[in-house]
């Protein structure tokens, strides 16, 4: 979190993390497409020729939340390929919240698990306790065959500390639900730790309403 009292701006860094080709960039592209054009800046992507993320993607979002304050959300995605471990650690630095994007296919279960363990290792390497990091999990690619069932995801969610979301990011399904859930969990942690309303008068409920209004509504979606 970066709080600039002179400019009346609060900046939050949210990182989309997960294995290669799980849909991190697809999430950011969908958010850029679905959110209000007044809120979203330009989606910046550094990519290889095969369109896999080389370093990172970044999507800036700026929203007025009342009392002259503006919240800036900086959404990053990290490269999923194993060779870019140092880049992932760098992008994770100063993160306020994380969305872990998993591939729903059964064949990718071990890859998801290894990436999730690496995320925890990278956070600890950066001096961050993973248990204190606001985090949500999205199971993407729900439109493909041989995916983990809704019942399996409910079982995972029941024993997980992280809320579980389902998505087809290429279609925009479940993308905003994931983002709203991440923002709410991140904001709750910040309010608990930083007492933003007492310190600078940023009301959590009013701010979340403003953010959700600019990012668009959250229609319920069920996997086909």
C-alpha atoms as a PDB file:
ATOM      1  CA  UNK A   1       0.000   0.000   0.000  1.00  0.00           C
ATOM      2  CA  UNK A   2       1.195   3.489  -0.810  1.00  0.00           C
ATOM      3  CA  UNK A   3      -0.693   6.393   0.744  1.00  0.00           C
ATOM      4  CA  UNK A   4      -0.001   9.881  -0.648  1.00  0.00           C
ATOM      5  CA  UNK A   5      -1.796  12.338   1.610  1.00  0.00           C
ATOM      6  CA  UNK A   6      -0.739  15.368  -0.426  1.00  0.00           C
ATOM      7  CA  UNK A   7      -2.236  13.939  -3.616  1.00  0.00           C
ATOM      8  CA  UNK A   8      -5.036  12.199  -1.668  1.00  0.00           C
ATOM      9  CA  UNK A   9      -4.290   8.897  -3.366  1.00  0.00           C
ATOM     10  CA  UNK A  10      -4.184   5.333  -2.085  1.00  0.00           C
ATOM     11  CA  UNK A  11      -2.391   2.846  -4.344  1.00  0.00           C
ATOM     12  CA  UNK A  12      -2.892  -0.909  -4.031  1.00  0.00           C
ATOM     13  CA  UNK A  13      -0.876  -3.553  -5.850  1.00  0.00           C
ATOM     14  CA  UNK A  14      -2.757  -6.731  -6.773  1.00  0.00           C
ATOM     15  CA  UNK A  15      -0.870  -9.616  -8.375  1.00  0.00           C
ATOM     16  CA  UNK A  16      -2.287 -12.408 -10.536  1.00  0.00           C
ATOM     17  CA  UNK A  17      -0.121 -15.479  -9.976  1.00  0.00           C
ATOM     18  CA  UNK A  18      -0.299 -19.030 -11.294  1.00  0.00           C
ATOM     19  CA  UNK A  19       1.233 -21.599 -13.636  1.00  0.00           C
ATOM     20  CA  UNK A  20       1.977 -20.890 -17.273  1.00  0.00           C
ATOM     21  CA  UNK A  21      -1.100 -20.589 -19.520  1.00  0.00           C
ATOM     22  CA  UNK A  22      -3.560 -20.736 -16.613  1.00  0.00           C
ATOM     23  CA  UNK A  23      -5.215 -17.485 -17.735  1.00  0.00           C
ATOM     24  CA  UNK A  24      -3.586 -14.657 -15.790  1.00  0.00           C
ATOM     25  CA  UNK A  25      -3.252 -12.351 -18.774  1.00  0.00           C
ATOM     26  CA  UNK A  26      -6.724 -13.371 -19.984  1.00  0.00           C
ATOM     27  CA  UNK A  27      -8.118 -12.127 -16.661  1.00  0.00           C
ATOM     28  CA  UNK A  28      -6.479  -8.722 -17.066  1.00  0.00           C
ATOM     29  CA  UNK A  29      -7.636  -8.440 -20.667  1.00  0.00           C
ATOM     30  CA  UNK A  30     -11.201  -9.258 -19.625  1.00  0.00           C
ATOM     31  CA  UNK A  31     -11.113  -6.727 -16.779  1.00  0.00           C
ATOM     32  CA  UNK A  32      -9.842  -4.081 -19.191  1.00  0.00           C
ATOM     33  CA  UNK A  33     -12.704  -4.913 -21.564  1.00  0.00           C
ATOM     34  CA  UNK A  34     -15.467  -5.097 -18.944  1.00  0.00           C
ATOM     35  CA  UNK A  35     -14.599  -2.256 -16.560  1.00  0.00           C
ATOM     36  CA  UNK A  36     -15.607   1.350 -17.099  1.00  0.00           C
ATOM     37  CA  UNK A  37     -13.377   3.092 -19.631  1.00  0.00           C
ATOM     38  CA  UNK A  38     -13.255   6.024 -17.213  1.00  0.00           C
ATOM     39  CA  UNK A  39     -11.485   3.855 -14.658  1.00  0.00           C
ATOM     40  CA  UNK A  40      -9.079   1.738 -16.716  1.00  0.00           C
ATOM     41  CA  UNK A  41      -5.812   2.899 -18.135  1.00  0.00           C
ATOM     42  CA  UNK A  42      -3.876   1.138 -20.875  1.00  0.00           C
ATOM     43  CA  UNK A  43      -3.133  -2.561 -20.479  1.00  0.00           C
ATOM     44  CA  UNK A  44       0.627  -2.912 -20.820  1.00  0.00           C
ATOM     45  CA  UNK A  45       1.990  -6.297 -21.848  1.00  0.00           C
ATOM     46  CA  UNK A  46       5.532  -7.493 -22.397  1.00  0.00           C
ATOM     47  CA  UNK A  47       5.212 -10.767 -24.256  1.00  0.00           C
ATOM     48  CA  UNK A  48       7.236 -13.304 -26.193  1.00  0.00           C
ATOM     49  CA  UNK A  49       6.437 -14.218 -29.793  1.00  0.00           C
ATOM     50  CA  UNK A  50       4.274 -17.118 -28.641  1.00  0.00           C
ATOM     51  CA  UNK A  51       2.241 -14.635 -26.534  1.00  0.00           C
ATOM     52  CA  UNK A  52       3.259 -16.123 -23.206  1.00  0.00           C
ATOM     53  CA  UNK A  53       4.031 -13.471 -20.618  1.00  0.00           C
ATOM     54  CA  UNK A  54       7.764 -12.752 -20.531  1.00  0.00           C
ATOM     55  CA  UNK A  55       8.035 -10.333 -17.625  1.00  0.00           C
ATOM     56  CA  UNK A  56       4.636  -9.062 -16.551  1.00  0.00           C
ATOM     57  CA  UNK A  57       1.383  -7.393 -17.557  1.00  0.00           C
ATOM     58  CA  UNK A  58       0.129  -4.293 -15.767  1.00  0.00           C
ATOM     59  CA  UNK A  59      -3.336  -2.768 -15.777  1.00  0.00           C
ATOM     60  CA  UNK A  60      -3.826   0.523 -13.887  1.00  0.00           C
ATOM     61  CA  UNK A  61      -7.286   1.437 -12.578  1.00  0.00           C
ATOM     62  CA  UNK A  62      -8.122   4.756 -10.892  1.00  0.00           C
ATOM     63  CA  UNK A  63     -11.372   5.337  -8.997  1.00  0.00           C
ATOM     64  CA  UNK A  64     -12.641   8.314  -6.980  1.00  0.00           C
ATOM     65  CA  UNK A  65     -14.015   7.076  -3.656  1.00  0.00           C
ATOM     66  CA  UNK A  66     -15.284  10.317  -2.134  1.00  0.00           C
ATOM     67  CA  UNK A  67     -13.919  13.070   0.096  1.00  0.00           C
ATOM     68  CA  UNK A  68     -11.441  13.960  -2.637  1.00  0.00           C
ATOM     69  CA  UNK A  69      -9.631  10.623  -2.378  1.00  0.00           C
ATOM     70  CA  UNK A  70      -8.734   8.423  -5.305  1.00  0.00           C
ATOM     71  CA  UNK A  71      -7.860   4.734  -5.156  1.00  0.00           C
ATOM     72  CA  UNK A  72      -5.392   3.450  -7.706  1.00  0.00           C
ATOM     73  CA  UNK A  73      -5.385  -0.292  -8.342  1.00  0.00           C
ATOM     74  CA  UNK A  74      -2.339  -1.656 -10.117  1.00  0.00           C
ATOM     75  CA  UNK A  75      -3.041  -5.161 -11.406  1.00  0.00           C
ATOM     76  CA  UNK A  76       0.003  -7.222 -12.344  1.00  0.00           C
ATOM     77  CA  UNK A  77       0.386 -10.702 -13.759  1.00  0.00           C
ATOM     78  CA  UNK A  78       3.570 -12.737 -13.423  1.00  0.00           C
ATOM     79  CA  UNK A  79       5.184 -15.112 -15.944  1.00  0.00           C
ATOM     80  CA  UNK A  80       4.254 -18.707 -15.262  1.00  0.00           C
ATOM     81  CA  UNK A  81       7.293 -20.406 -16.804  1.00  0.00           C
ATOM     82  CA  UNK A  82       9.708 -21.882 -14.281  1.00  0.00           C
ATOM     83  CA  UNK A  83      12.678 -20.032 -15.770  1.00  0.00           C
ATOM     84  CA  UNK A  84      11.279 -16.685 -14.547  1.00  0.00           C
ATOM     85  CA  UNK A  85      11.339 -17.358 -10.802  1.00  0.00           C
ATOM     86  CA  UNK A  86      13.372 -14.206 -10.063  1.00  0.00           C
ATOM     87  CA  UNK A  87      10.867 -12.087 -12.006  1.00  0.00           C
ATOM     88  CA  UNK A  88       7.964 -13.561 -10.042  1.00  0.00           C
ATOM     89  CA  UNK A  89       9.643 -12.662  -6.761  1.00  0.00           C
ATOM     90  CA  UNK A  90      10.287  -9.150  -8.013  1.00  0.00           C
ATOM     91  CA  UNK A  91       6.672  -8.601  -9.096  1.00  0.00           C
ATOM     92  CA  UNK A  92       5.420  -9.997  -5.777  1.00  0.00           C
ATOM     93  CA  UNK A  93       7.349  -7.375  -3.802  1.00  0.00           C
ATOM     94  CA  UNK A  94       5.011  -4.921  -2.032  1.00  0.00           C
ATOM     95  CA  UNK A  95       1.912  -6.819  -3.178  1.00  0.00           C
ATOM     96  CA  UNK A  96      -1.222  -6.036  -1.169  1.00  0.00           C
ATOM     97  CA  UNK A  97      -3.268  -8.982  -2.451  1.00  0.00           C
ATOM     98  CA  UNK A  98      -2.919 -12.007  -4.737  1.00  0.00           C
ATOM     99  CA  UNK A  99      -5.271 -13.875  -7.066  1.00  0.00           C
ATOM    100  CA  UNK A 100      -3.970 -17.379  -7.725  1.00  0.00           C
ATOM    101  CA  UNK A 101      -5.204 -18.514 -11.145  1.00  0.00           C
ATOM    102  CA  UNK A 102      -5.431 -22.294 -11.453  1.00  0.00           C
ATOM    103  CA  UNK A 103      -6.215 -24.443 -14.483  1.00  0.00           C
ATOM    104  CA  UNK A 104      -9.394 -26.465 -13.837  1.00  0.00           C
ATOM    105  CA  UNK A 105      -8.299 -29.495 -15.867  1.00  0.00           C
ATOM    106  CA  UNK A 106      -7.501 -32.606 -13.875  1.00  0.00           C
ATOM    107  CA  UNK A 107      -4.282 -33.042 -15.847  1.00  0.00           C
ATOM    108  CA  UNK A 108      -3.000 -29.735 -14.402  1.00  0.00           C
ATOM    109  CA  UNK A 109      -3.613 -30.532 -10.720  1.00  0.00           C
ATOM    110  CA  UNK A 110       0.036 -31.220  -9.901  1.00  0.00           C
ATOM    111  CA  UNK A 111       1.162 -28.143 -11.864  1.00  0.00           C
ATOM    112  CA  UNK A 112      -1.285 -25.980  -9.913  1.00  0.00           C
ATOM    113  CA  UNK A 113      -0.085 -27.425  -6.631  1.00  0.00           C
ATOM    114  CA  UNK A 114       3.588 -26.851  -7.443  1.00  0.00           C
ATOM    115  CA  UNK A 115       2.907 -23.263  -8.516  1.00  0.00           C
ATOM    116  CA  UNK A 116       0.949 -22.608  -5.312  1.00  0.00           C
ATOM    117  CA  UNK A 117       3.827 -23.974  -3.211  1.00  0.00           C
ATOM    118  CA  UNK A 118       6.272 -21.806  -5.160  1.00  0.00           C
ATOM    119  CA  UNK A 119       4.080 -18.796  -4.460  1.00  0.00           C
ATOM    120  CA  UNK A 120       4.344 -19.459  -0.727  1.00  0.00           C
ATOM    121  CA  UNK A 121       8.119 -19.935  -1.014  1.00  0.00           C
ATOM    122  CA  UNK A 122       8.507 -16.712  -2.959  1.00  0.00           C
ATOM    123  CA  UNK A 123       6.471 -14.767  -0.425  1.00  0.00           C
ATOM    124  CA  UNK A 124       8.612 -16.098   2.409  1.00  0.00           C
ATOM    125  CA  UNK A 125      11.725 -15.258   0.373  1.00  0.00           C
ATOM    126  CA  UNK A 126      10.410 -11.674   0.236  1.00  0.00           C
ATOM    127  CA  UNK A 127       9.906 -11.661   3.990  1.00  0.00           C
ATOM    128  CA  UNK A 128       6.116 -12.025   3.827  1.00  0.00           C
ATOM    129  CA  UNK A 129       4.060 -14.501   5.846  1.00  0.00           C
ATOM    130  CA  UNK A 130       1.757 -16.211   3.295  1.00  0.00           C
ATOM    131  CA  UNK A 131      -0.902 -16.654   5.981  1.00  0.00           C
ATOM    132  CA  UNK A 132      -1.198 -12.861   6.306  1.00  0.00           C
ATOM    133  CA  UNK A 133      -1.401 -12.133   2.579  1.00  0.00           C
ATOM    134  CA  UNK A 134      -4.962 -11.487   1.296  1.00  0.00           C
ATOM    135  CA  UNK A 135      -5.504 -14.134  -1.359  1.00  0.00           C
ATOM    136  CA  UNK A 136      -8.233 -15.671  -3.498  1.00  0.00           C
ATOM    137  CA  UNK A 137      -8.117 -18.691  -5.835  1.00  0.00           C
ATOM    138  CA  UNK A 138      -9.735 -18.814  -9.250  1.00  0.00           C
ATOM    139  CA  UNK A 139     -10.252 -22.106 -11.090  1.00  0.00           C
ATOM    140  CA  UNK A 140     -10.206 -20.982 -14.708  1.00  0.00           C
ATOM    141  CA  UNK A 141     -11.019 -22.774 -17.998  1.00  0.00           C
ATOM    142  CA  UNK A 142     -14.345 -24.148 -16.791  1.00  0.00           C
ATOM    143  CA  UNK A 143     -15.427 -24.521 -20.426  1.00  0.00           C
ATOM    144  CA  UNK A 144     -12.909 -27.290 -21.176  1.00  0.00           C
ATOM    145  CA  UNK A 145     -13.298 -31.051 -20.886  1.00  0.00           C
ATOM    146  CA  UNK A 146     -12.108 -33.235 -18.007  1.00  0.00           C
ATOM    147  CA  UNK A 147     -12.215 -30.444 -15.431  1.00  0.00           C
ATOM    148  CA  UNK A 148     -12.537 -30.790 -11.683  1.00  0.00           C
ATOM    149  CA  UNK A 149     -16.209 -30.836 -10.764  1.00  0.00           C
ATOM    150  CA  UNK A 150     -18.053 -28.125  -8.850  1.00  0.00           C
ATOM    151  CA  UNK A 151     -18.360 -30.574  -5.954  1.00  0.00           C
ATOM    152  CA  UNK A 152     -14.583 -31.056  -5.896  1.00  0.00           C
ATOM    153  CA  UNK A 153     -14.039 -27.300  -5.839  1.00  0.00           C
ATOM    154  CA  UNK A 154     -16.521 -26.977  -2.979  1.00  0.00           C
ATOM    155  CA  UNK A 155     -14.529 -29.583  -1.055  1.00  0.00           C
ATOM    156  CA  UNK A 156     -11.304 -27.691  -1.751  1.00  0.00           C
ATOM    157  CA  UNK A 157     -12.937 -24.440  -0.675  1.00  0.00           C
ATOM    158  CA  UNK A 158     -14.213 -25.975   2.563  1.00  0.00           C
ATOM    159  CA  UNK A 159     -10.695 -26.774   3.723  1.00  0.00           C
ATOM    160  CA  UNK A 160      -9.006 -23.726   2.213  1.00  0.00           C
ATOM    161  CA  UNK A 161      -8.299 -20.345   3.780  1.00  0.00           C
ATOM    162  CA  UNK A 162      -8.817 -18.718   0.372  1.00  0.00           C
ATOM    163  CA  UNK A 163     -12.212 -18.100  -1.277  1.00  0.00           C
ATOM    164  CA  UNK A 164     -12.687 -20.155  -4.467  1.00  0.00           C
ATOM    165  CA  UNK A 165     -14.011 -18.639  -7.708  1.00  0.00           C
ATOM    166  CA  UNK A 166     -14.853 -20.303 -11.030  1.00  0.00           C
ATOM    167  CA  UNK A 167     -14.155 -18.656 -14.368  1.00  0.00           C
ATOM    168  CA  UNK A 168     -13.829 -18.762 -18.116  1.00  0.00           C
ATOM    169  CA  UNK A 169     -11.550 -15.762 -18.411  1.00  0.00           C
ATOM    170  CA  UNK A 170     -11.474 -15.686 -22.209  1.00  0.00           C
ATOM    171  CA  UNK A 171     -15.244 -15.068 -22.123  1.00  0.00           C
ATOM    172  CA  UNK A 172     -15.131 -12.722 -19.144  1.00  0.00           C
ATOM    173  CA  UNK A 173     -17.062 -15.184 -16.955  1.00  0.00           C
ATOM    174  CA  UNK A 174     -16.141 -15.071 -13.266  1.00  0.00           C
ATOM    175  CA  UNK A 175     -13.422 -12.486 -13.829  1.00  0.00           C
ATOM    176  CA  UNK A 176     -15.076  -9.566 -12.058  1.00  0.00           C
ATOM    177  CA  UNK A 177     -16.305 -11.792  -9.226  1.00  0.00           C
ATOM    178  CA  UNK A 178     -12.696 -12.810  -8.611  1.00  0.00           C
ATOM    179  CA  UNK A 179     -11.455  -9.221  -8.698  1.00  0.00           C
ATOM    180  CA  UNK A 180     -14.198  -7.932  -6.395  1.00  0.00           C
ATOM    181  CA  UNK A 181     -13.485 -10.737  -3.931  1.00  0.00           C
ATOM    182  CA  UNK A 182      -9.782  -9.935  -3.965  1.00  0.00           C
ATOM    183  CA  UNK A 183     -10.351  -6.212  -3.458  1.00  0.00           C
ATOM    184  CA  UNK A 184     -12.733  -6.810  -0.563  1.00  0.00           C
ATOM    185  CA  UNK A 185     -10.339  -9.201   1.173  1.00  0.00           C
ATOM    186  CA  UNK A 186      -7.409  -6.834   0.619  1.00  0.00           C
ATOM    187  CA  UNK A 187      -9.351  -3.827   1.888  1.00  0.00           C
ATOM    188  CA  UNK A 188     -10.447  -5.671   5.022  1.00  0.00           C
ATOM    189  CA  UNK A 189      -6.814  -6.484   5.816  1.00  0.00           C
ATOM    190  CA  UNK A 190      -5.735  -2.871   5.210  1.00  0.00           C
ATOM    191  CA  UNK A 191      -8.507  -1.468   7.384  1.00  0.00           C
ATOM    192  CA  UNK A 192      -7.569  -3.890  10.170  1.00  0.00           C
ATOM    193  CA  UNK A 193      -3.859  -3.059   9.938  1.00  0.00           C
ATOM    194  CA  UNK A 194      -3.905   0.598   8.905  1.00  0.00           C
ATOM    195  CA  UNK A 195      -7.224   1.957  10.269  1.00  0.00           C
ATOM    196  CA  UNK A 196      -7.752   3.978   7.087  1.00  0.00           C
ATOM    197  CA  UNK A 197     -11.072   5.480   8.163  1.00  0.00           C
ATOM    198  CA  UNK A 198      -9.683   6.738  11.457  1.00  0.00           C
ATOM    199  CA  UNK A 199      -6.412   7.958   9.943  1.00  0.00           C
ATOM    200  CA  UNK A 200      -7.540   9.625   6.724  1.00  0.00           C
ATOM    201  CA  UNK A 201     -11.334   9.314   6.613  1.00  0.00           C
ATOM    202  CA  UNK A 202     -11.565   6.715   3.832  1.00  0.00           C
ATOM    203  CA  UNK A 203     -14.803   4.866   4.573  1.00  0.00           C
ATOM    204  CA  UNK A 204     -14.557   1.184   3.635  1.00  0.00           C
ATOM    205  CA  UNK A 205     -18.210   0.617   2.675  1.00  0.00           C
ATOM    206  CA  UNK A 206     -18.488   3.795   0.605  1.00  0.00           C
ATOM    207  CA  UNK A 207     -15.175   3.095  -1.087  1.00  0.00           C
ATOM    208  CA  UNK A 208     -16.148  -0.461  -2.011  1.00  0.00           C
ATOM    209  CA  UNK A 209     -19.446   0.745  -3.484  1.00  0.00           C
ATOM    210  CA  UNK A 210     -17.580   3.274  -5.630  1.00  0.00           C
ATOM    211  CA  UNK A 211     -15.050   0.681  -6.756  1.00  0.00           C
ATOM    212  CA  UNK A 212     -17.707  -1.914  -7.613  1.00  0.00           C
ATOM    213  CA  UNK A 213     -19.732   0.685  -9.503  1.00  0.00           C
ATOM    214  CA  UNK A 214     -16.789   1.667 -11.700  1.00  0.00           C
ATOM    215  CA  UNK A 215     -15.640  -1.906 -12.240  1.00  0.00           C
ATOM    216  CA  UNK A 216     -19.100  -3.067 -13.220  1.00  0.00           C
ATOM    217  CA  UNK A 217     -21.715  -5.258 -11.589  1.00  0.00           C
ATOM    218  CA  UNK A 218     -21.142  -8.829 -10.486  1.00  0.00           C
ATOM    219  CA  UNK A 219     -23.690 -11.083 -12.190  1.00  0.00           C
ATOM    220  CA  UNK A 220     -23.875 -14.609 -10.880  1.00  0.00           C
ATOM    221  CA  UNK A 221     -22.423 -17.175 -13.241  1.00  0.00           C
ATOM    222  CA  UNK A 222     -22.610 -20.907 -13.165  1.00  0.00           C
ATOM    223  CA  UNK A 223     -20.427 -23.237 -15.187  1.00  0.00           C
ATOM    224  CA  UNK A 224     -22.266 -24.695 -18.171  1.00  0.00           C
END
